[in-house]
Amino acid sequence: MSDLYVAAGGGGDPVGTLIAARALGGGDPAAPALIATYAWERPEVDPTAAALGEGDFEGLVHEPGGAGDGFAAFTAATRVRPPAGSTLPGLARDLPARLLLLDPAAGLDALARRIGSMAAAAGGRIRVVDVGGDILTHGDEPGLCSPFTDALTLAACHLTGVPTTVHVAGPGLDGEIEERILLGRLTGSEPLVPGPGAVAAAARALAWHPSEASALWAAAVLGARGTARTARGGTVRLTDASPGLYPLPLGEALDHNPVARALVGERPATLEDAAAVSHRLTGIPGLASERTAPPRRVQDPPVAGAAALDRDSAMKVLGEAAGGADHVTLRHAVRVLGLTWADIPALRTVLGVATPLLRPV
């Protein structure tokens, strides 16, 4: 018997969700954690920037559902069909977890049935993990960028009827809602702080994945503090509250999230209809790419590749790009150096970086 872990927002959330699962006692080499996730990534990874479904992949493994509704799992041999892109086959290779595909295309009720089927197959409760905390949005925060996916997850998990706990990891580290605001919404929630072993379980994925929020949380767990420059163009602050994993009942999370409540009430039959609900309430298009500031390309024209970099020159460029911040995310680093996210491992080698964040000294 095991819990089903749901990575609330897609993208790099499976990495943070694996760290959370280890901290919560779920997943070990003998019984890998079950992590359900959307195949929904930023344009730099997937030029379609769409929520990918089963038809967008080759080599998925189809599992019978415990509630009569089957689902699909990723393996290292799974391949995405061009022109789409996905990091999930790589995560299936490098995370000690079983990654299951959430496909929201058929609407909220179908998504809820699929999650319910996964939870029945796992035999336990549902644990939703959101790295950063925008799952607790009120819909009007100034930095809010991508409220739709998390709200859709909340609504679908509510409709399963399966006992569910929501876990906020690293409040504020996604740069959308300020930490102080989120901590006010988490009053009474006693945080669990993962140990270094939980981060070590995700180390192979953290070495190459462009996720910022999960990397920031992992760095905070390992002791990083101070400001970090991100690809969005701003900074986030890592504090003594950043390593925490904060639980709250599903009902309390719903009380905070007006989009999730509206989705439960309206039960939209398509993904487009669900996104329209979010757009109406927040003014943020639910299916548009997350708003990101254009990269500050200090290195112009782009270099031939990370292997062509001189370490000292690269560190000088990154120090300037940090703008006084204590750390730089690897995703931001490759952008300002004119590289792509696929160059992250090579850049780590050139710079001699083994940590989730880069310290430009």
Protein backbone atom coordinates (compact mmCIF):
# COMPACT_ATOMS: atom_id res chain seq x y z
CA MET A 1 0.00 0.00 0.00
CA SER A 2 1.38 3.38 -1.03
CA ASP A 3 0.34 6.99 -1.52
CA LEU A 4 -0.06 8.62 -4.93
CA TYR A 5 2.03 11.77 -5.26
CA VAL A 6 0.72 14.38 -7.70
CA ALA A 7 3.13 16.99 -9.09
CA ALA A 8 0.75 19.93 -9.18
CA GLY A 9 2.15 22.03 -12.00
CA GLY A 10 4.04 19.89 -14.49
CA GLY A 11 7.44 21.08 -15.75
CA GLY A 12 10.06 20.37 -13.10
CA ASP A 13 7.57 19.61 -10.31
CA PRO A 14 8.25 15.83 -10.47
CA VAL A 15 11.79 16.54 -9.24
CA GLY A 16 10.58 18.44 -6.18
CA THR A 17 7.80 15.90 -5.70
CA LEU A 18 10.37 13.08 -5.47
CA ILE A 19 12.24 15.02 -2.76
CA ALA A 20 8.94 15.52 -0.93
CA ALA A 21 8.02 11.85 -1.27
CA ARG A 22 11.33 10.79 0.26
CA ALA A 23 10.85 13.26 3.12
CA LEU A 24 7.35 11.89 3.74
CA GLY A 25 8.59 8.32 3.83
CA GLY A 26 7.37 7.33 0.39
CA GLY A 27 9.45 5.64 -2.27
CA ASP A 28 12.57 3.56 -1.86
CA PRO A 29 14.54 1.32 -4.21
CA ALA A 30 12.27 -1.61 -3.43
CA ALA A 31 9.04 0.36 -3.92
CA PRO A 32 9.52 3.51 -6.06
CA ALA A 33 7.17 6.40 -5.42
CA LEU A 34 4.23 6.79 -7.78
CA ILE A 35 4.27 10.35 -9.13
CA ALA A 36 1.51 11.60 -11.44
CA THR A 37 2.46 14.60 -13.57
CA TYR A 38 1.39 16.64 -16.56
CA ALA A 39 3.59 16.62 -19.65
CA TRP A 40 3.39 20.39 -19.78
CA GLU A 41 6.65 22.30 -20.13
CA ARG A 42 8.05 25.70 -21.08
CA PRO A 43 8.64 26.57 -24.74
CA GLU A 44 12.40 26.20 -24.40
CA VAL A 45 11.80 22.48 -23.72
CA ASP A 46 8.63 21.96 -25.74
CA PRO A 47 8.11 24.40 -28.63
CA THR A 48 4.41 23.48 -28.71
CA ALA A 49 4.06 24.62 -25.05
CA ALA A 50 1.00 22.36 -24.87
CA ALA A 51 -0.33 19.83 -22.39
CA LEU A 52 0.83 16.66 -24.13
CA GLY A 53 -1.27 13.50 -24.08
CA GLU A 54 -0.70 9.82 -24.77
CA GLY A 55 -0.74 10.37 -28.52
CA ASP A 56 2.30 12.63 -28.23
CA PHE A 57 4.55 9.84 -26.97
CA GLU A 58 5.88 6.49 -28.14
CA GLY A 59 6.75 3.73 -25.73
CA LEU A 60 4.43 4.55 -22.84
CA VAL A 61 3.55 1.58 -20.66
CA HIS A 62 -0.19 1.19 -20.16
CA GLU A 63 -1.34 0.08 -16.74
CA PRO A 64 -4.76 -1.26 -15.74
CA GLY A 65 -6.51 1.16 -13.40
CA GLY A 66 -7.69 0.12 -9.98
CA ALA A 67 -10.96 1.98 -10.56
CA GLY A 68 -11.55 0.56 -14.02
CA ASP A 69 -9.75 3.36 -15.86
CA GLY A 70 -6.25 2.62 -17.14
CA PHE A 71 -3.36 5.04 -17.29
CA ALA A 72 0.06 5.38 -18.87
CA ALA A 73 3.52 5.38 -17.32
CA PHE A 74 6.83 6.71 -18.64
CA THR A 75 10.00 4.67 -18.96
CA ALA A 76 13.52 5.61 -20.03
CA ALA A 77 12.62 4.21 -23.46
CA THR A 78 9.62 6.52 -23.94
CA ARG A 79 10.06 9.06 -26.73
CA VAL A 80 8.14 12.24 -27.48
CA ARG A 81 6.87 12.75 -31.02
CA PRO A 82 8.36 15.80 -32.77
CA PRO A 83 7.90 18.71 -32.87
CA ALA A 84 6.96 18.39 -29.19
CA GLY A 85 9.63 18.13 -26.52
CA SER A 86 9.60 16.64 -23.05
CA THR A 87 11.96 16.02 -20.15
CA LEU A 88 9.78 13.23 -18.76
CA PRO A 89 11.56 10.28 -20.42
CA GLY A 90 14.80 11.60 -18.94
CA LEU A 91 13.17 11.99 -15.54
CA ALA A 92 11.83 8.43 -15.79
CA ARG A 93 15.43 7.33 -16.30
CA ASP A 94 16.98 9.42 -13.51
CA LEU A 95 14.36 9.67 -10.77
CA PRO A 96 13.77 6.63 -8.54
CA ALA A 97 10.04 6.87 -9.14
CA ARG A 98 7.28 5.61 -11.40
CA LEU A 99 6.06 8.60 -13.45
CA LEU A 100 2.43 8.51 -14.54
CA LEU A 101 0.92 10.76 -17.20
CA LEU A 102 -1.87 13.21 -16.37
CA ASP A 103 -3.72 14.15 -19.56
CA PRO A 104 -6.22 16.99 -18.99
CA ALA A 105 -7.46 17.19 -22.60
CA ALA A 106 -10.80 15.51 -21.96
CA GLY A 107 -11.87 17.87 -19.19
CA LEU A 108 -12.09 17.95 -15.43
CA ASP A 109 -14.23 14.88 -14.77
CA ALA A 110 -12.04 12.67 -16.95
CA LEU A 111 -8.93 13.97 -15.21
CA ALA A 112 -10.47 13.25 -11.81
CA ARG A 113 -11.34 9.69 -12.86
CA ARG A 114 -7.78 9.13 -14.04
CA ILE A 115 -6.28 10.41 -10.79
CA GLY A 116 -8.75 8.31 -8.82
CA SER A 117 -7.71 5.26 -10.81
CA MET A 118 -4.05 5.93 -10.09
CA ALA A 119 -4.75 6.38 -6.38
CA ALA A 120 -6.74 3.12 -6.29
CA ALA A 121 -3.87 1.29 -7.97
CA ALA A 122 -1.46 2.76 -5.41
CA GLY A 123 -3.77 1.76 -2.59
CA GLY A 124 -3.33 4.89 -0.51
CA ARG A 125 -4.21 8.56 -0.18
CA ILE A 126 -3.28 11.41 -2.53
CA ARG A 127 -0.49 13.84 -1.71
CA VAL A 128 -0.38 16.91 -3.96
CA VAL A 129 3.01 18.63 -4.04
CA ASP A 130 3.45 22.21 -5.25
CA VAL A 131 6.93 23.72 -5.24
CA GLY A 132 6.62 27.44 -4.59
CA GLY A 133 3.05 27.71 -3.35
CA ASP A 134 0.99 29.35 -6.09
CA ILE A 135 -1.50 26.55 -5.53
CA LEU A 136 -2.72 28.80 -2.67
CA THR A 137 -3.29 31.78 -4.94
CA HIS A 138 -6.19 34.16 -4.41
CA GLY A 139 -5.86 35.06 -8.09
CA ASP A 140 -4.76 38.68 -7.71
CA GLU A 141 -1.14 38.57 -6.53
CA PRO A 142 1.10 40.91 -8.58
CA GLY A 143 3.71 38.25 -9.46
CA LEU A 144 1.26 35.52 -10.37
CA CYS A 145 2.13 33.87 -13.71
CA SER A 146 0.65 30.38 -13.98
CA PRO A 147 -2.30 29.68 -11.65
CA PHE A 148 -4.29 27.41 -13.95
CA THR A 149 -2.53 24.05 -13.73
CA ASP A 150 -2.39 23.99 -9.94
CA ALA A 151 -6.06 24.96 -9.69
CA LEU A 152 -6.99 22.21 -12.14
CA THR A 153 -5.08 19.69 -10.01
CA LEU A 154 -6.82 20.82 -6.83
CA ALA A 155 -10.26 20.59 -8.42
CA ALA A 156 -9.61 17.14 -9.92
CA CYS A 157 -8.26 15.72 -6.68
CA HIS A 158 -11.30 17.05 -4.83
CA LEU A 159 -13.61 15.31 -7.27
CA THR A 160 -11.89 11.94 -6.76
CA GLY A 161 -13.26 11.72 -3.23
CA VAL A 162 -9.92 10.22 -2.15
CA PRO A 163 -8.44 11.65 1.07
CA THR A 164 -5.91 14.24 -0.06
CA THR A 165 -3.25 16.40 1.57
CA VAL A 166 -1.65 19.37 -0.19
CA HIS A 167 2.05 20.01 0.49
CA VAL A 168 3.68 23.37 -0.29
CA ALA A 169 7.43 23.04 -0.73
CA GLY A 170 9.69 26.08 -0.49
CA PRO A 171 7.08 28.84 -0.16
CA GLY A 172 7.79 31.68 -2.55
CA LEU A 173 10.62 29.96 -4.41
CA ASP A 174 8.76 29.97 -7.73
CA GLY A 175 8.77 33.77 -7.64
CA GLU A 176 5.00 34.11 -7.96
CA ILE A 177 3.66 34.80 -4.45
CA GLU A 178 5.82 36.33 -1.73
CA GLU A 179 6.97 34.04 1.05
CA ARG A 180 5.48 36.24 3.80
CA ILE A 181 2.04 36.05 2.16
CA LEU A 182 2.20 32.29 1.79
CA LEU A 183 3.38 31.76 5.36
CA GLY A 184 0.34 33.73 6.48
CA ARG A 185 -1.84 31.29 4.52
CA LEU A 186 0.01 28.35 6.05
CA THR A 187 -0.50 29.44 9.65
CA GLY A 188 -0.76 26.36 11.83
CA SER A 189 0.99 24.14 9.31
CA GLU A 190 4.02 22.51 10.94
CA PRO A 191 6.68 22.14 8.25
CA LEU A 192 8.74 19.04 7.66
CA VAL A 193 12.31 19.72 6.54
CA PRO A 194 13.72 17.04 4.21
CA GLY A 195 17.18 15.71 4.90
CA PRO A 196 20.11 15.73 2.46
CA GLY A 197 19.28 12.14 1.54
CA ALA A 198 15.98 13.24 0.02
CA VAL A 199 17.83 15.67 -2.25
CA ALA A 200 20.45 13.04 -3.06
CA ALA A 201 17.66 10.81 -4.42
CA ALA A 202 16.96 13.47 -7.07
CA ALA A 203 20.60 14.36 -7.74
CA ARG A 204 20.86 12.75 -11.18
CA ALA A 205 17.83 14.71 -12.40
CA LEU A 206 18.94 17.96 -10.76
CA ALA A 207 22.24 17.69 -12.65
CA TRP A 208 20.55 18.44 -15.98
CA HIS A 209 16.92 19.46 -15.56
CA PRO A 210 16.17 23.18 -16.18
CA SER A 211 13.68 23.43 -13.30
CA GLU A 212 14.31 26.47 -11.14
CA ALA A 213 11.79 26.08 -8.31
CA SER A 214 12.78 22.48 -7.54
CA ALA A 215 16.48 23.37 -7.78
CA LEU A 216 16.00 26.33 -5.45
CA TRP A 217 14.16 24.16 -2.94
CA ALA A 218 16.86 21.48 -3.11
CA ALA A 219 19.52 24.14 -2.58
CA ALA A 220 17.64 25.55 0.41
CA VAL A 221 17.40 22.08 1.95
CA LEU A 222 21.18 21.76 1.53
CA GLY A 223 21.69 25.06 3.35
CA ALA A 224 21.75 27.77 0.66
CA ARG A 225 20.51 31.17 1.82
CA GLY A 226 20.35 34.63 0.29
CA THR A 227 19.09 35.92 -3.05
CA ALA A 228 19.01 33.99 -6.32
CA ARG A 229 18.67 35.44 -9.83
CA THR A 230 16.21 33.50 -11.99
CA ALA A 231 15.39 33.26 -15.67
CA ARG A 232 12.26 35.35 -15.17
CA GLY A 233 14.57 38.30 -14.63
CA GLY A 234 13.97 38.86 -10.92
CA THR A 235 15.29 37.39 -7.71
CA VAL A 236 13.90 35.14 -5.02
CA ARG A 237 15.16 34.96 -1.46
CA LEU A 238 16.13 31.72 0.24
CA THR A 239 15.38 32.00 3.97
CA ASP A 240 15.18 29.70 6.96
CA ALA A 241 11.57 29.00 5.93
CA SER A 242 12.57 27.90 2.42
CA PRO A 243 13.52 24.26 3.16
CA GLY A 244 10.11 23.53 4.66
CA LEU A 245 7.44 21.20 3.29
CA TYR A 246 4.14 22.57 4.61
CA PRO A 247 1.04 20.31 4.72
CA LEU A 248 -2.57 21.44 4.73
CA PRO A 249 -5.89 19.68 4.11
CA LEU A 250 -7.28 19.79 0.59
CA GLY A 251 -10.32 21.73 1.81
CA GLU A 252 -8.14 24.54 3.15
CA ALA A 253 -6.25 24.77 -0.12
CA LEU A 254 -9.56 24.97 -1.99
CA ASP A 255 -10.72 27.73 0.33
CA HIS A 256 -7.75 29.81 -0.80
CA ASN A 257 -8.05 29.11 -4.53
CA PRO A 258 -11.07 30.71 -6.27
CA VAL A 259 -10.21 29.16 -9.64
CA ALA A 260 -10.23 25.64 -8.20
CA ARG A 261 -13.57 26.29 -6.50
CA ALA A 262 -15.07 27.60 -9.74
CA LEU A 263 -13.80 24.56 -11.65
CA VAL A 264 -15.46 22.25 -9.12
CA GLY A 265 -18.69 24.18 -9.46
CA GLU A 266 -18.72 24.43 -13.26
CA ARG A 267 -17.15 21.05 -14.17
CA PRO A 268 -15.81 22.15 -17.60
CA ALA A 269 -15.88 19.38 -20.21
CA THR A 270 -12.73 20.41 -22.09
CA LEU A 271 -9.31 21.75 -21.23
CA GLU A 272 -10.10 24.92 -23.16
CA ASP A 273 -13.26 25.50 -21.14
CA ALA A 274 -11.35 24.96 -17.91
CA ALA A 275 -8.66 27.41 -18.99
CA ALA A 276 -11.33 29.97 -19.81
CA VAL A 277 -12.59 29.77 -16.20
CA SER A 278 -9.10 30.56 -14.93
CA HIS A 279 -8.68 33.40 -17.43
CA ARG A 280 -12.00 34.92 -16.41
CA LEU A 281 -11.09 34.97 -12.73
CA THR A 282 -7.41 35.94 -12.88
CA GLY A 283 -6.95 37.72 -16.22
CA ILE A 284 -4.11 35.30 -17.02
CA PRO A 285 -4.64 33.08 -20.10
CA GLY A 286 -4.61 29.51 -18.84
CA LEU A 287 -3.14 27.97 -21.98
CA ALA A 288 -0.60 30.67 -22.80
CA SER A 289 3.08 30.14 -22.12
CA GLU A 290 4.20 31.32 -18.70
CA ARG A 291 5.23 34.96 -18.87
CA THR A 292 9.02 35.15 -18.74
CA ALA A 293 11.26 38.15 -19.22
CA PRO A 294 13.44 37.94 -22.34
CA PRO A 295 16.91 36.63 -21.53
CA ARG A 296 19.63 39.15 -20.87
CA ARG A 297 22.09 37.81 -23.43
CA VAL A 298 25.38 39.08 -22.12
CA GLN A 299 27.19 36.64 -24.42
CA ASP A 300 26.36 37.85 -27.94
CA PRO A 301 26.59 36.16 -30.37
CA PRO A 302 25.91 32.81 -28.63
CA VAL A 303 28.96 30.70 -27.91
CA ALA A 304 29.52 27.46 -29.83
CA GLY A 305 28.70 25.39 -26.75
CA ALA A 306 29.58 25.03 -23.09
CA ALA A 307 32.79 23.15 -23.90
CA ALA A 308 34.07 26.25 -25.71
CA LEU A 309 33.73 28.41 -22.62
CA ASP A 310 36.62 29.72 -20.60
CA ARG A 311 35.74 29.26 -16.95
CA ASP A 312 37.04 32.60 -15.72
CA SER A 313 35.37 34.55 -18.54
CA ALA A 314 32.08 32.71 -18.01
CA MET A 315 32.15 33.40 -14.28
CA LYS A 316 32.77 37.08 -14.96
CA VAL A 317 29.75 37.21 -17.28
CA LEU A 318 27.60 35.38 -14.75
CA GLY A 319 28.75 37.64 -11.94
CA GLU A 320 27.60 40.65 -13.95
CA ALA A 321 24.32 38.94 -14.81
CA ALA A 322 23.68 38.15 -11.14
CA GLY A 323 23.20 41.86 -10.48
CA GLY A 324 24.34 41.52 -6.89
CA ALA A 325 22.41 38.32 -6.13
CA ASP A 326 24.15 35.64 -4.08
CA HIS A 327 23.22 32.83 -6.47
CA VAL A 328 22.23 32.25 -10.09
CA THR A 329 20.01 29.40 -11.27
CA LEU A 330 21.55 27.15 -13.90
CA ARG A 331 18.63 27.89 -16.21
CA HIS A 332 19.40 31.60 -16.00
CA ALA A 333 23.12 30.94 -16.43
CA VAL A 334 22.76 29.10 -19.73
CA ARG A 335 20.44 31.77 -21.08
CA VAL A 336 22.81 34.66 -20.40
CA LEU A 337 25.69 32.67 -21.88
CA GLY A 338 23.76 32.08 -25.09
CA LEU A 339 23.36 28.35 -24.42
CA THR A 340 20.28 26.14 -24.13
CA TRP A 341 18.96 24.11 -21.23
CA ALA A 342 20.51 21.00 -22.79
CA ASP A 343 23.93 22.56 -22.11
CA ILE A 344 23.44 22.58 -18.33
CA PRO A 345 25.49 19.40 -17.67
CA ALA A 346 28.38 20.60 -19.82
CA LEU A 347 28.29 24.03 -18.16
CA ARG A 348 28.43 22.38 -14.75
CA THR A 349 31.54 20.51 -15.85
CA VAL A 350 33.28 23.62 -17.18
CA LEU A 351 32.49 25.62 -14.04
CA GLY A 352 33.06 22.74 -11.61
CA VAL A 353 29.59 23.14 -10.10
CA ALA A 354 28.01 20.21 -8.27
CA THR A 355 25.28 22.09 -6.37
CA PRO A 356 21.70 22.93 -7.50
CA LEU A 357 22.59 26.64 -7.76
CA LEU A 358 25.61 28.54 -9.04
CA ARG A 359 27.38 31.00 -6.76
CA PRO A 360 29.03 33.64 -9.00
CA VAL A 361 32.13 34.54 -7.01
